[in-house]
Amino acid sequence: MGFYAFYVIAIIILILHFTGWLKRHNLEWIVLVLAVITFPAVIFLK
């Protein structure tokens, strides 16, 4: 269940990134955090 929740959050963050919402609100660092968290999430949540 956590694996699917992670992917829903990741998709939402990517949509916000590509629409420019994160850049307008100075939250681009969330994309980098998502990239770092992806590897452990795939290993430990699956």
Protein backbone atom coordinates (compact mmCIF):
# COMPACT_ATOMS: atom_id res chain seq x y z
CA MET A 1 0.00 0.00 0.00
CA GLY A 2 2.86 2.37 0.78
CA PHE A 3 4.34 1.66 -2.63
CA TYR A 4 1.17 2.88 -4.37
CA ALA A 5 0.90 5.91 -2.10
CA PHE A 6 4.48 6.84 -2.99
CA TYR A 7 3.69 6.70 -6.69
CA VAL A 8 0.56 8.84 -6.32
CA ILE A 9 2.59 11.48 -4.47
CA ALA A 10 5.37 11.26 -7.07
CA ILE A 11 2.93 11.78 -9.94
CA ILE A 12 1.38 14.79 -8.21
CA ILE A 13 4.83 16.32 -7.64
CA LEU A 14 5.81 15.77 -11.28
CA ILE A 15 2.58 17.36 -12.52
CA LEU A 16 3.20 20.38 -10.30
CA HIS A 17 6.79 20.54 -11.57
CA PHE A 18 5.85 20.49 -15.26
CA THR A 19 3.06 23.05 -14.83
CA GLY A 20 5.51 25.45 -13.16
CA TRP A 21 3.70 25.62 -9.84
CA LEU A 22 6.73 24.46 -7.83
CA LYS A 23 9.01 27.05 -9.43
CA ARG A 24 6.58 29.90 -8.75
CA HIS A 25 6.46 28.94 -5.07
CA ASN A 26 10.23 28.18 -4.72
CA LEU A 27 9.60 24.49 -4.05
CA GLU A 28 11.78 22.97 -6.79
CA TRP A 29 13.82 21.21 -4.09
CA ILE A 30 10.91 18.77 -3.66
CA VAL A 31 11.79 17.24 -7.05
CA LEU A 32 15.32 16.54 -5.81
CA VAL A 33 14.01 15.01 -2.59
CA LEU A 34 11.69 12.81 -4.65
CA ALA A 35 14.63 11.64 -6.76
CA VAL A 36 16.62 10.69 -3.66
CA ILE A 37 13.70 8.89 -2.01
CA THR A 38 12.76 6.88 -5.13
CA PHE A 39 15.55 4.29 -4.84
CA PRO A 40 14.87 3.27 -1.21
CA ALA A 41 11.11 3.37 -1.81
CA VAL A 42 11.34 0.92 -4.69
CA ILE A 43 13.54 -1.46 -2.68
CA PHE A 44 11.82 -1.35 0.71
CA LEU A 45 8.15 -0.74 -0.15
CA LYS A 46 7.74 -3.35 -2.86
